[in-house]
């Protein structure tokens, strides 16, 4: 099994998905799968890696435990980033009216496969 197969399983089972990427904490996209060719997962990965690091620092400083997921809902899209390991996370982009719960479920389901590959 490869990274791209795990990513495709998420987007193929989610009709409103725009794209998904496996990203290193340095902001570099390792693998991606897009349904929307205009989606810039490279930039999104770079920006969300910084945001995820900040949230992790804040959670640690407040003794809240490790941050696992960040979700941002905008007028146009839902962006969900979820930690795979200390070095990697996945970021999923879904249309704003997409199924948020199913998106999270599918991501969580594929985390185990991605962890094995890493």
PDB file of N, CA and C in Angstrom:
ATOM      1  N   UNK A   1       0.845  -1.178   0.000  1.00  0.00           N
ATOM      2  CA  UNK A   1       0.000   0.000   0.000  1.00  0.00           C
ATOM      3  C   UNK A   1       0.891   1.244   0.000  1.00  0.00           C
ATOM      4  N   UNK A   2       0.464   2.282  -0.687  1.00  0.00           N
ATOM      5  CA  UNK A   2       1.254   3.502  -0.752  1.00  0.00           C
ATOM      6  C   UNK A   2       0.495   4.671  -0.124  1.00  0.00           C
ATOM      7  N   UNK A   3       1.225   5.770   0.075  1.00  0.00           N
ATOM      8  CA  UNK A   3       0.603   6.974   0.621  1.00  0.00           C
ATOM      9  C   UNK A   3      -0.559   7.416  -0.247  1.00  0.00           C
ATOM     10  N   UNK A   4      -0.331   7.438  -1.550  1.00  0.00           N
ATOM     11  CA  UNK A   4      -1.367   7.963  -2.451  1.00  0.00           C
ATOM     12  C   UNK A   4      -2.625   7.099  -2.420  1.00  0.00           C
ATOM     13  N   UNK A   5      -2.488   5.794  -2.225  1.00  0.00           N
ATOM     14  CA  UNK A   5      -3.669   4.928  -2.119  1.00  0.00           C
ATOM     15  C   UNK A   5      -4.502   5.294  -0.894  1.00  0.00           C
ATOM     16  N   UNK A   6      -3.836   5.538   0.221  1.00  0.00           N
ATOM     17  CA  UNK A   6      -4.556   5.941   1.437  1.00  0.00           C
ATOM     18  C   UNK A   6      -5.247   7.277   1.238  1.00  0.00           C
ATOM     19  N   UNK A   7      -4.569   8.221   0.603  1.00  0.00           N
ATOM     20  CA  UNK A   7      -5.152   9.531   0.361  1.00  0.00           C
ATOM     21  C   UNK A   7      -6.344   9.432  -0.587  1.00  0.00           C
ATOM     22  N   UNK A   8      -6.209   8.625  -1.620  1.00  0.00           N
ATOM     23  CA  UNK A   8      -7.307   8.447  -2.585  1.00  0.00           C
ATOM     24  C   UNK A   8      -8.537   7.823  -1.931  1.00  0.00           C
ATOM     25  N   UNK A   9      -8.312   6.915  -0.992  1.00  0.00           N
ATOM     26  CA  UNK A   9      -9.457   6.289  -0.316  1.00  0.00           C
ATOM     27  C   UNK A   9     -10.296   7.341   0.403  1.00  0.00           C
ATOM     28  N   UNK A  10      -9.650   8.342   0.945  1.00  0.00           N
ATOM     29  CA  UNK A  10     -10.397   9.413   1.614  1.00  0.00           C
ATOM     30  C   UNK A  10     -11.183  10.213   0.585  1.00  0.00           C
ATOM     31  N   UNK A  11     -10.515  10.725  -0.437  1.00  0.00           N
ATOM     32  CA  UNK A  11     -11.196  11.601  -1.407  1.00  0.00           C
ATOM     33  C   UNK A  11     -12.212  10.850  -2.263  1.00  0.00           C
ATOM     34  N   UNK A  12     -11.926   9.604  -2.598  1.00  0.00           N
ATOM     35  CA  UNK A  12     -12.867   8.842  -3.426  1.00  0.00           C
ATOM     36  C   UNK A  12     -14.148   8.486  -2.677  1.00  0.00           C
ATOM     37  N   UNK A  13     -14.085   8.426  -1.353  1.00  0.00           N
ATOM     38  CA  UNK A  13     -15.274   8.115  -0.546  1.00  0.00           C
ATOM     39  C   UNK A  13     -15.966   9.363  -0.017  1.00  0.00           C
ATOM     40  N   UNK A  14     -15.532  10.510  -0.491  1.00  0.00           N
ATOM     41  CA  UNK A  14     -16.068  11.779  -0.012  1.00  0.00           C
ATOM     42  C   UNK A  14     -16.355  12.657  -1.230  1.00  0.00           C
ATOM     43  N   UNK A  15     -17.609  12.695  -1.648  1.00  0.00           N
ATOM     44  CA  UNK A  15     -17.943  13.346  -2.914  1.00  0.00           C
ATOM     45  C   UNK A  15     -17.631  14.840  -2.944  1.00  0.00           C
ATOM     46  N   UNK A  16     -17.633  15.510  -1.799  1.00  0.00           N
ATOM     47  CA  UNK A  16     -17.393  16.951  -1.767  1.00  0.00           C
ATOM     48  C   UNK A  16     -15.934  17.325  -1.518  1.00  0.00           C
ATOM     49  N   UNK A  17     -15.044  16.338  -1.550  1.00  0.00           N
ATOM     50  CA  UNK A  17     -13.633  16.647  -1.281  1.00  0.00           C
ATOM     51  C   UNK A  17     -13.004  17.333  -2.486  1.00  0.00           C
ATOM     52  N   UNK A  18     -12.060  18.214  -2.190  1.00  0.00           N
ATOM     53  CA  UNK A  18     -11.320  18.927  -3.231  1.00  0.00           C
ATOM     54  C   UNK A  18      -9.904  18.391  -3.364  1.00  0.00           C
ATOM     55  N   UNK A  19      -9.335  17.924  -2.236  1.00  0.00           N
ATOM     56  CA  UNK A  19      -7.993  17.372  -2.272  1.00  0.00           C
ATOM     57  C   UNK A  19      -7.478  17.068  -0.884  1.00  0.00           C
ATOM     58  N   UNK A  20      -6.402  16.292  -0.847  1.00  0.00           N
ATOM     59  CA  UNK A  20      -5.790  15.878   0.415  1.00  0.00           C
ATOM     60  C   UNK A  20      -4.290  15.739   0.195  1.00  0.00           C
ATOM     61  N   UNK A  21      -3.521  15.990   1.248  1.00  0.00           N
ATOM     62  CA  UNK A  21      -2.066  15.868   1.138  1.00  0.00           C
ATOM     63  C   UNK A  21      -1.475  15.335   2.434  1.00  0.00           C
ATOM     64  N   UNK A  22      -0.394  14.581   2.289  1.00  0.00           N
ATOM     65  CA  UNK A  22       0.443  14.179   3.408  1.00  0.00           C
ATOM     66  C   UNK A  22       1.583  15.186   3.436  1.00  0.00           C
ATOM     67  N   UNK A  23       1.761  15.842   4.576  1.00  0.00           N
ATOM     68  CA  UNK A  23       2.692  16.965   4.675  1.00  0.00           C
ATOM     69  C   UNK A  23       3.642  16.741   5.848  1.00  0.00           C
ATOM     70  N   UNK A  24       4.909  17.079   5.653  1.00  0.00           N
ATOM     71  CA  UNK A  24       5.864  17.051   6.742  1.00  0.00           C
ATOM     72  C   UNK A  24       5.694  18.286   7.600  1.00  0.00           C
ATOM     73  N   UNK A  25       6.129  18.208   8.839  1.00  0.00           N
ATOM     74  CA  UNK A  25       6.012  19.366   9.728  1.00  0.00           C
ATOM     75  C   UNK A  25       6.859  20.543   9.237  1.00  0.00           C
ATOM     76  N   UNK A  26       7.745  20.290   8.282  1.00  0.00           N
ATOM     77  CA  UNK A  26       8.517  21.370   7.669  1.00  0.00           C
ATOM     78  C   UNK A  26       7.719  22.078   6.578  1.00  0.00           C
ATOM     79  N   UNK A  27       6.490  21.605   6.311  1.00  0.00           N
ATOM     80  CA  UNK A  27       5.620  22.241   5.328  1.00  0.00           C
ATOM     81  C   UNK A  27       5.741  21.683   3.920  1.00  0.00           C
ATOM     82  N   UNK A  28       6.576  20.679   3.723  1.00  0.00           N
ATOM     83  CA  UNK A  28       6.779  20.100   2.391  1.00  0.00           C
ATOM     84  C   UNK A  28       5.794  18.952   2.177  1.00  0.00           C
ATOM     85  N   UNK A  29       5.059  19.019   1.063  1.00  0.00           N
ATOM     86  CA  UNK A  29       4.086  17.980   0.724  1.00  0.00           C
ATOM     87  C   UNK A  29       4.830  16.734   0.245  1.00  0.00           C
ATOM     88  N   UNK A  30       4.546  15.603   0.885  1.00  0.00           N
ATOM     89  CA  UNK A  30       5.155  14.325   0.526  1.00  0.00           C
ATOM     90  C   UNK A  30       4.372  13.677  -0.606  1.00  0.00           C
ATOM     91  N   UNK A  31       3.046  13.715  -0.494  1.00  0.00           N
ATOM     92  CA  UNK A  31       2.162  13.127  -1.497  1.00  0.00           C
ATOM     93  C   UNK A  31       0.835  13.864  -1.452  1.00  0.00           C
ATOM     94  N   UNK A  32       0.160  13.946  -2.582  1.00  0.00           N
ATOM     95  CA  UNK A  32      -1.136  14.614  -2.628  1.00  0.00           C
ATOM     96  C   UNK A  32      -2.051  13.928  -3.626  1.00  0.00           C
ATOM     97  N   UNK A  33      -3.338  14.150  -3.447  1.00  0.00           N
ATOM     98  CA  UNK A  33      -4.342  13.701  -4.404  1.00  0.00           C
ATOM     99  C   UNK A  33      -5.384  14.806  -4.497  1.00  0.00           C
ATOM    100  N   UNK A  34      -5.588  15.334  -5.708  1.00  0.00           N
ATOM    101  CA  UNK A  34      -6.515  16.453  -5.899  1.00  0.00           C
ATOM    102  C   UNK A  34      -7.628  16.078  -6.862  1.00  0.00           C
ATOM    103  N   UNK A  35      -8.827  16.526  -6.521  1.00  0.00           N
ATOM    104  CA  UNK A  35      -9.953  16.483  -7.450  1.00  0.00           C
ATOM    105  C   UNK A  35     -10.091  17.834  -8.143  1.00  0.00           C
ATOM    106  N   UNK A  36      -9.710  18.895  -7.435  1.00  0.00           N
ATOM    107  CA  UNK A  36      -9.771  20.257  -7.957  1.00  0.00           C
ATOM    108  C   UNK A  36      -8.363  20.670  -8.372  1.00  0.00           C
ATOM    109  N   UNK A  37      -8.112  20.771  -9.676  1.00  0.00           N
ATOM    110  CA  UNK A  37      -6.758  21.091 -10.140  1.00  0.00           C
ATOM    111  C   UNK A  37      -6.270  22.487  -9.745  1.00  0.00           C
ATOM    112  N   UNK A  38      -7.169  23.370  -9.351  1.00  0.00           N
ATOM    113  CA  UNK A  38      -6.753  24.719  -8.957  1.00  0.00           C
ATOM    114  C   UNK A  38      -6.336  24.802  -7.487  1.00  0.00           C
ATOM    115  N   UNK A  39      -6.558  23.740  -6.735  1.00  0.00           N
ATOM    116  CA  UNK A  39      -6.226  23.721  -5.309  1.00  0.00           C
ATOM    117  C   UNK A  39      -4.704  23.676  -5.120  1.00  0.00           C
ATOM    118  N   UNK A  40      -4.169  24.615  -4.363  1.00  0.00           N
ATOM    119  CA  UNK A  40      -2.731  24.707  -4.115  1.00  0.00           C
ATOM    120  C   UNK A  40      -2.393  24.062  -2.772  1.00  0.00           C
ATOM    121  N   UNK A  41      -2.207  22.752  -2.796  1.00  0.00           N
ATOM    122  CA  UNK A  41      -1.911  22.021  -1.572  1.00  0.00           C
ATOM    123  C   UNK A  41      -0.502  22.304  -1.063  1.00  0.00           C
ATOM    124  N   UNK A  42       0.401  22.718  -1.944  1.00  0.00           N
ATOM    125  CA  UNK A  42       1.761  23.061  -1.516  1.00  0.00           C
ATOM    126  C   UNK A  42       1.721  24.252  -0.553  1.00  0.00           C
ATOM    127  N   UNK A  43       1.026  25.306  -0.943  1.00  0.00           N
ATOM    128  CA  UNK A  43       0.916  26.494  -0.087  1.00  0.00           C
ATOM    129  C   UNK A  43       0.128  26.189   1.175  1.00  0.00           C
ATOM    130  N   UNK A  44      -0.947  25.446   1.018  1.00  0.00           N
ATOM    131  CA  UNK A  44      -1.778  25.083   2.164  1.00  0.00           C
ATOM    132  C   UNK A  44      -0.972  24.277   3.184  1.00  0.00           C
ATOM    133  N   UNK A  45      -0.195  23.320   2.706  1.00  0.00           N
ATOM    134  CA  UNK A  45       0.637  22.515   3.595  1.00  0.00           C
ATOM    135  C   UNK A  45       1.653  23.358   4.342  1.00  0.00           C
ATOM    136  N   UNK A  46       2.280  24.289   3.648  1.00  0.00           N
ATOM    137  CA  UNK A  46       3.274  25.158   4.280  1.00  0.00           C
ATOM    138  C   UNK A  46       2.631  26.012   5.370  1.00  0.00           C
ATOM    139  N   UNK A  47       1.486  26.604   5.083  1.00  0.00           N
ATOM    140  CA  UNK A  47       0.812  27.459   6.054  1.00  0.00           C
ATOM    141  C   UNK A  47       0.288  26.671   7.245  1.00  0.00           C
ATOM    142  N   UNK A  48      -0.306  25.515   6.987  1.00  0.00           N
ATOM    143  CA  UNK A  48      -0.879  24.727   8.067  1.00  0.00           C
ATOM    144  C   UNK A  48       0.181  24.084   8.942  1.00  0.00           C
ATOM    145  N   UNK A  49       1.366  23.830   8.420  1.00  0.00           N
ATOM    146  CA  UNK A  49       2.426  23.281   9.273  1.00  0.00           C
ATOM    147  C   UNK A  49       2.797  24.298  10.350  1.00  0.00           C
ATOM    148  N   UNK A  50       2.878  25.566   9.969  1.00  0.00           N
ATOM    149  CA  UNK A  50       3.167  26.615  10.949  1.00  0.00           C
ATOM    150  C   UNK A  50       2.061  26.752  11.978  1.00  0.00           C
ATOM    151  N   UNK A  51       0.831  26.703  11.509  1.00  0.00           N
ATOM    152  CA  UNK A  51      -0.308  26.806  12.411  1.00  0.00           C
ATOM    153  C   UNK A  51      -0.344  25.618  13.378  1.00  0.00           C
ATOM    154  N   UNK A  52      -0.093  24.435  12.863  1.00  0.00           N
ATOM    155  CA  UNK A  52      -0.116  23.245  13.709  1.00  0.00           C
ATOM    156  C   UNK A  52       0.981  23.304  14.774  1.00  0.00           C
ATOM    157  N   UNK A  53       2.160  23.770  14.408  1.00  0.00           N
ATOM    158  CA  UNK A  53       3.242  23.918  15.390  1.00  0.00           C
ATOM    159  C   UNK A  53       2.857  24.904  16.487  1.00  0.00           C
ATOM    160  N   UNK A  54       2.221  26.010  16.118  1.00  0.00           N
ATOM    161  CA  UNK A  54       1.798  27.002  17.111  1.00  0.00           C
ATOM    162  C   UNK A  54       0.731  26.445  18.048  1.00  0.00           C
ATOM    163  N   UNK A  55      -0.222  25.731  17.505  1.00  0.00           N
ATOM    164  CA  UNK A  55      -1.271  25.135  18.329  1.00  0.00           C
ATOM    165  C   UNK A  55      -0.665  24.103  19.272  1.00  0.00           C
ATOM    166  N   UNK A  56       0.298  23.337  18.784  1.00  0.00           N
ATOM    167  CA  UNK A  56       0.955  22.351  19.645  1.00  0.00           C
ATOM    168  C   UNK A  56       1.701  23.029  20.793  1.00  0.00           C
ATOM    169  N   UNK A  57       2.404  24.114  20.503  1.00  0.00           N
ATOM    170  CA  UNK A  57       3.116  24.844  21.554  1.00  0.00           C
ATOM    171  C   UNK A  57       2.136  25.393  22.590  1.00  0.00           C
ATOM    172  N   UNK A  58       1.042  25.957  22.122  1.00  0.00           N
ATOM    173  CA  UNK A  58       0.040  26.517  23.024  1.00  0.00           C
ATOM    174  C   UNK A  58      -0.589  25.432  23.886  1.00  0.00           C
ATOM    175  N   UNK A  59      -0.947  24.316  23.269  1.00  0.00           N
ATOM    176  CA  UNK A  59      -1.542  23.202  24.022  1.00  0.00           C
ATOM    177  C   UNK A  59      -0.588  22.691  25.086  1.00  0.00           C
ATOM    178  N   UNK A  60       0.673  22.600  24.727  1.00  0.00           N
ATOM    179  CA  UNK A  60       1.690  22.151  25.679  1.00  0.00           C
ATOM    180  C   UNK A  60       1.856  23.154  26.817  1.00  0.00           C
ATOM    181  N   UNK A  61       1.929  24.435  26.488  1.00  0.00           N
ATOM    182  CA  UNK A  61       2.105  25.472  27.502  1.00  0.00           C
ATOM    183  C   UNK A  61       0.931  25.509  28.482  1.00  0.00           C
ATOM    184  N   UNK A  62      -0.256  25.217  27.985  1.00  0.00           N
ATOM    185  CA  UNK A  62      -1.449  25.215  28.826  1.00  0.00           C
ATOM    186  C   UNK A  62      -1.709  23.847  29.458  1.00  0.00           C
ATOM    187  N   UNK A  63      -0.814  22.911  29.230  1.00  0.00           N
ATOM    188  CA  UNK A  63      -0.910  21.554  29.759  1.00  0.00           C
ATOM    189  C   UNK A  63      -2.232  20.880  29.392  1.00  0.00           C
ATOM    190  N   UNK A  64      -2.604  21.042  28.118  1.00  0.00           N
ATOM    191  CA  UNK A  64      -3.857  20.475  27.621  1.00  0.00           C
ATOM    192  C   UNK A  64      -3.648  19.144  26.904  1.00  0.00           C
ATOM    193  N   UNK A  65      -2.411  18.706  26.778  1.00  0.00           N
ATOM    194  CA  UNK A  65      -2.127  17.489  26.029  1.00  0.00           C
ATOM    195  C   UNK A  65      -1.782  17.823  24.588  1.00  0.00           C
ATOM    196  N   UNK A  66      -1.436  16.817  23.846  1.00  0.00           N
ATOM    197  CA  UNK A  66      -1.013  17.002  22.457  1.00  0.00           C
ATOM    198  C   UNK A  66      -2.200  17.367  21.565  1.00  0.00           C
ATOM    199  N   UNK A  67      -1.981  18.329  20.684  1.00  0.00           N
ATOM    200  CA  UNK A  67      -3.004  18.706  19.694  1.00  0.00           C
ATOM    201  C   UNK A  67      -3.012  17.649  18.590  1.00  0.00           C
ATOM    202  N   UNK A  68      -4.162  17.143  18.251  1.00  0.00           N
ATOM    203  CA  UNK A  68      -4.292  16.097  17.238  1.00  0.00           C
ATOM    204  C   UNK A  68      -4.874  16.599  15.922  1.00  0.00           C
ATOM    205  N   UNK A  69      -5.752  17.622  16.000  1.00  0.00           N
ATOM    206  CA  UNK A  69      -6.482  18.036  14.806  1.00  0.00           C
ATOM    207  C   UNK A  69      -6.821  19.514  14.870  1.00  0.00           C
ATOM    208  N   UNK A  70      -6.804  20.142  13.696  1.00  0.00           N
ATOM    209  CA  UNK A  70      -7.260  21.526  13.565  1.00  0.00           C
ATOM    210  C   UNK A  70      -8.262  21.549  12.418  1.00  0.00           C
ATOM    211  N   UNK A  71      -9.398  22.178  12.646  1.00  0.00           N
ATOM    212  CA  UNK A  71     -10.412  22.328  11.604  1.00  0.00           C
ATOM    213  C   UNK A  71     -10.711  23.811  11.435  1.00  0.00           C
ATOM    214  N   UNK A  72     -10.751  24.245  10.180  1.00  0.00           N
ATOM    215  CA  UNK A  72     -11.077  25.633   9.866  1.00  0.00           C
ATOM    216  C   UNK A  72     -12.214  25.609   8.851  1.00  0.00           C
ATOM    217  N   UNK A  73     -13.320  26.252   9.200  1.00  0.00           N
ATOM    218  CA  UNK A  73     -14.465  26.331   8.308  1.00  0.00           C
ATOM    219  C   UNK A  73     -14.549  27.750   7.767  1.00  0.00           C
ATOM    220  N   UNK A  74     -14.508  27.877   6.448  1.00  0.00           N
ATOM    221  CA  UNK A  74     -14.582  29.189   5.812  1.00  0.00           C
ATOM    222  C   UNK A  74     -15.836  29.241   4.944  1.00  0.00           C
ATOM    223  N   UNK A  75     -16.038  30.366   4.289  1.00  0.00           N
ATOM    224  CA  UNK A  75     -17.194  30.505   3.394  1.00  0.00           C
ATOM    225  C   UNK A  75     -17.126  29.529   2.223  1.00  0.00           C
ATOM    226  N   UNK A  76     -15.913  29.200   1.780  1.00  0.00           N
ATOM    227  CA  UNK A  76     -15.755  28.383   0.577  1.00  0.00           C
ATOM    228  C   UNK A  76     -15.381  26.933   0.844  1.00  0.00           C
ATOM    229  N   UNK A  77     -14.613  26.674   1.899  1.00  0.00           N
ATOM    230  CA  UNK A  77     -14.131  25.316   2.145  1.00  0.00           C
ATOM    231  C   UNK A  77     -14.042  25.008   3.637  1.00  0.00           C
ATOM    232  N   UNK A  78     -13.902  23.728   3.906  1.00  0.00           N
ATOM    233  CA  UNK A  78     -13.542  23.227   5.230  1.00  0.00           C
ATOM    234  C   UNK A  78     -12.141  22.651   5.077  1.00  0.00           C
ATOM    235  N   UNK A  79     -11.227  23.031   5.958  1.00  0.00           N
ATOM    236  CA  UNK A  79      -9.871  22.492   5.937  1.00  0.00           C
ATOM    237  C   UNK A  79      -9.649  21.776   7.264  1.00  0.00           C
ATOM    238  N   UNK A  80      -9.308  20.498   7.165  1.00  0.00           N
ATOM    239  CA  UNK A  80      -9.053  19.695   8.360  1.00  0.00           C
ATOM    240  C   UNK A  80      -7.626  19.182   8.275  1.00  0.00           C
ATOM    241  N   UNK A  81      -6.852  19.458   9.313  1.00  0.00           N
ATOM    242  CA  UNK A  81      -5.501  18.900   9.375  1.00  0.00           C
ATOM    243  C   UNK A  81      -5.427  17.997  10.594  1.00  0.00           C
ATOM    244  N   UNK A  82      -4.833  16.836  10.408  1.00  0.00           N
ATOM    245  CA  UNK A  82      -4.764  15.845  11.486  1.00  0.00           C
ATOM    246  C   UNK A  82      -3.365  15.246  11.544  1.00  0.00           C
ATOM    247  N   UNK A  83      -2.817  15.182  12.745  1.00  0.00           N
ATOM    248  CA  UNK A  83      -1.478  14.662  12.977  1.00  0.00           C
ATOM    249  C   UNK A  83      -1.434  13.162  12.690  1.00  0.00           C
ATOM    250  N   UNK A  84      -0.420  12.727  11.932  1.00  0.00           N
ATOM    251  CA  UNK A  84      -0.207  11.307  11.660  1.00  0.00           C
ATOM    252  C   UNK A  84       0.889  10.778  12.581  1.00  0.00           C
ATOM    253  N   UNK A  85       1.932  11.562  12.727  1.00  0.00           N
ATOM    254  CA  UNK A  85       3.075  11.237  13.587  1.00  0.00           C
ATOM    255  C   UNK A  85       3.685  12.577  14.015  1.00  0.00           C
ATOM    256  N   UNK A  86       4.696  12.558  14.863  1.00  0.00           N
ATOM    257  CA  UNK A  86       5.311  13.838  15.241  1.00  0.00           C
ATOM    258  C   UNK A  86       5.900  14.610  14.053  1.00  0.00           C
ATOM    259  N   UNK A  87       6.209  13.908  12.977  1.00  0.00           N
ATOM    260  CA  UNK A  87       6.829  14.555  11.814  1.00  0.00           C
ATOM    261  C   UNK A  87       5.879  14.831  10.655  1.00  0.00           C
ATOM    262  N   UNK A  88       4.678  14.244  10.662  1.00  0.00           N
ATOM    263  CA  UNK A  88       3.779  14.348   9.508  1.00  0.00           C
ATOM    264  C   UNK A  88       2.331  14.584   9.927  1.00  0.00           C
ATOM    265  N   UNK A  89       1.587  15.232   9.017  1.00  0.00           N
ATOM    266  CA  UNK A  89       0.152  15.401   9.195  1.00  0.00           C
ATOM    267  C   UNK A  89      -0.516  15.320   7.836  1.00  0.00           C
ATOM    268  N   UNK A  90      -1.832  15.128   7.836  1.00  0.00           N
ATOM    269  CA  UNK A  90      -2.582  15.182   6.588  1.00  0.00           C
ATOM    270  C   UNK A  90      -3.493  16.398   6.640  1.00  0.00           C
ATOM    271  N   UNK A  91      -3.714  16.978   5.473  1.00  0.00           N
ATOM    272  CA  UNK A  91      -4.607  18.123   5.366  1.00  0.00           C
ATOM    273  C   UNK A  91      -5.619  17.805   4.261  1.00  0.00           C
ATOM    274  N   UNK A  92      -6.887  17.948   4.602  1.00  0.00           N
ATOM    275  CA  UNK A  92      -7.994  17.637   3.697  1.00  0.00           C
ATOM    276  C   UNK A  92      -8.807  18.898   3.462  1.00  0.00           C
ATOM    277  N   UNK A  93      -9.162  19.138   2.205  1.00  0.00           N
ATOM    278  CA  UNK A  93      -9.987  20.286   1.842  1.00  0.00           C
ATOM    279  C   UNK A  93     -11.295  19.756   1.261  1.00  0.00           C
ATOM    280  N   UNK A  94     -12.406  20.246   1.830  1.00  0.00           N
ATOM    281  CA  UNK A  94     -13.751  19.816   1.445  1.00  0.00           C
ATOM    282  C   UNK A  94     -14.582  21.061   1.155  1.00  0.00           C
ATOM    283  N   UNK A  95     -15.520  20.953   0.235  1.00  0.00           N
ATOM    284  CA  UNK A  95     -16.428  22.068  -0.033  1.00  0.00           C
ATOM    285  C   UNK A  95     -17.125  22.486   1.253  1.00  0.00           C
ATOM    286  N   UNK A  96     -17.471  23.760   1.354  1.00  0.00           N
ATOM    287  CA  UNK A  96     -18.013  24.303   2.615  1.00  0.00           C
ATOM    288  C   UNK A  96     -19.279  23.602   3.087  1.00  0.00           C
ATOM    289  N   UNK A  97     -20.068  23.066   2.200  1.00  0.00           N
ATOM    290  CA  UNK A  97     -21.296  22.360   2.574  1.00  0.00           C
ATOM    291  C   UNK A  97     -21.078  20.859   2.635  1.00  0.00           C
ATOM    292  N   UNK A  98     -19.816  20.413   2.597  1.00  0.00           N
ATOM    293  CA  UNK A  98     -19.488  18.992   2.617  1.00  0.00           C
ATOM    294  C   UNK A  98     -19.763  18.352   3.971  1.00  0.00           C
ATOM    295  N   UNK A  99     -19.614  17.065   4.010  1.00  0.00           N
ATOM    296  CA  UNK A  99     -19.911  16.284   5.210  1.00  0.00           C
ATOM    297  C   UNK A  99     -18.692  16.299   6.146  1.00  0.00           C
ATOM    298  N   UNK A 100     -18.728  17.187   7.139  1.00  0.00           N
ATOM    299  CA  UNK A 100     -17.627  17.378   8.073  1.00  0.00           C
ATOM    300  C   UNK A 100     -17.342  16.109   8.887  1.00  0.00           C
ATOM    301  N   UNK A 101     -18.367  15.491   9.410  1.00  0.00           N
ATOM    302  CA  UNK A 101     -18.198  14.290  10.227  1.00  0.00           C
ATOM    303  C   UNK A 101     -17.599  13.136   9.445  1.00  0.00           C
ATOM    304  N   UNK A 102     -18.105  12.917   8.247  1.00  0.00           N
ATOM    305  CA  UNK A 102     -17.576  11.831   7.413  1.00  0.00           C
ATOM    306  C   UNK A 102     -16.128  12.118   7.026  1.00  0.00           C
ATOM    307  N   UNK A 103     -15.814  13.381   6.784  1.00  0.00           N
ATOM    308  CA  UNK A 103     -14.443  13.772   6.444  1.00  0.00           C
ATOM    309  C   UNK A 103     -13.489  13.379   7.561  1.00  0.00           C
ATOM    310  N   UNK A 104     -13.848  13.718   8.767  1.00  0.00           N
ATOM    311  CA  UNK A 104     -13.019  13.399   9.935  1.00  0.00           C
ATOM    312  C   UNK A 104     -12.898  11.892  10.126  1.00  0.00           C
ATOM    313  N   UNK A 105     -14.005  11.179   9.965  1.00  0.00           N
ATOM    314  CA  UNK A 105     -13.994   9.724  10.115  1.00  0.00           C
ATOM    315  C   UNK A 105     -13.056   9.071   9.100  1.00  0.00           C
ATOM    316  N   UNK A 106     -13.165   9.458   7.838  1.00  0.00           N
ATOM    317  CA  UNK A 106     -12.325   8.861   6.799  1.00  0.00           C
ATOM    318  C   UNK A 106     -10.840   9.152   7.027  1.00  0.00           C
ATOM    319  N   UNK A 107     -10.541  10.366   7.494  1.00  0.00           N
ATOM    320  CA  UNK A 107      -9.147  10.701   7.789  1.00  0.00           C
ATOM    321  C   UNK A 107      -8.622   9.827   8.924  1.00  0.00           C
ATOM    322  N   UNK A 108      -9.381   9.722   9.997  1.00  0.00           N
ATOM    323  CA  UNK A 108      -8.952   8.927  11.146  1.00  0.00           C
ATOM    324  C   UNK A 108      -8.742   7.470  10.752  1.00  0.00           C
ATOM    325  N   UNK A 109      -9.601   6.973   9.891  1.00  0.00           N
ATOM    326  CA  UNK A 109      -9.503   5.576   9.448  1.00  0.00           C
ATOM    327  C   UNK A 109      -8.200   5.308   8.695  1.00  0.00           C
ATOM    328  N   UNK A 110      -7.754   6.258   7.912  1.00  0.00           N
ATOM    329  CA  UNK A 110      -6.540   6.067   7.113  1.00  0.00           C
ATOM    330  C   UNK A 110      -5.252   6.370   7.871  1.00  0.00           C
ATOM    331  N   UNK A 111      -5.352   7.002   9.027  1.00  0.00           N
ATOM    332  CA  UNK A 111      -4.157   7.334   9.816  1.00  0.00           C
ATOM    333  C   UNK A 111      -3.334   6.080  10.101  1.00  0.00           C
ATOM    334  N   UNK A 112      -3.971   4.988  10.477  1.00  0.00           N
ATOM    335  CA  UNK A 112      -3.247   3.752  10.803  1.00  0.00           C
ATOM    336  C   UNK A 112      -2.437   3.251   9.608  1.00  0.00           C
ATOM    337  N   UNK A 113      -3.024   3.309   8.425  1.00  0.00           N
ATOM    338  CA  UNK A 113      -2.292   2.871   7.222  1.00  0.00           C
ATOM    339  C   UNK A 113      -1.115   3.786   6.930  1.00  0.00           C
ATOM    340  N   UNK A 114      -1.320   5.073   7.088  1.00  0.00           N
ATOM    341  CA  UNK A 114      -0.232   6.025   6.851  1.00  0.00           C
ATOM    342  C   UNK A 114       0.893   5.845   7.865  1.00  0.00           C
ATOM    343  N   UNK A 115       0.532   5.605   9.117  1.00  0.00           N
ATOM    344  CA  UNK A 115       1.547   5.377  10.154  1.00  0.00           C
ATOM    345  C   UNK A 115       2.440   4.188   9.808  1.00  0.00           C
ATOM    346  N   UNK A 116       1.833   3.117   9.301  1.00  0.00           N
ATOM    347  CA  UNK A 116       2.602   1.916   8.924  1.00  0.00           C
ATOM    348  C   UNK A 116       3.598   2.246   7.805  1.00  0.00           C
ATOM    349  N   UNK A 117       3.163   3.045   6.846  1.00  0.00           N
ATOM    350  CA  UNK A 117       4.008   3.397   5.705  1.00  0.00           C
ATOM    351  C   UNK A 117       5.160   4.314   6.090  1.00  0.00           C
ATOM    352  N   UNK A 118       4.942   5.132   7.125  1.00  0.00           N
ATOM    353  CA  UNK A 118       5.980   6.067   7.549  1.00  0.00           C
ATOM    354  C   UNK A 118       7.022   5.319   8.352  1.00  0.00           C
TER     355      UNK A 118
END
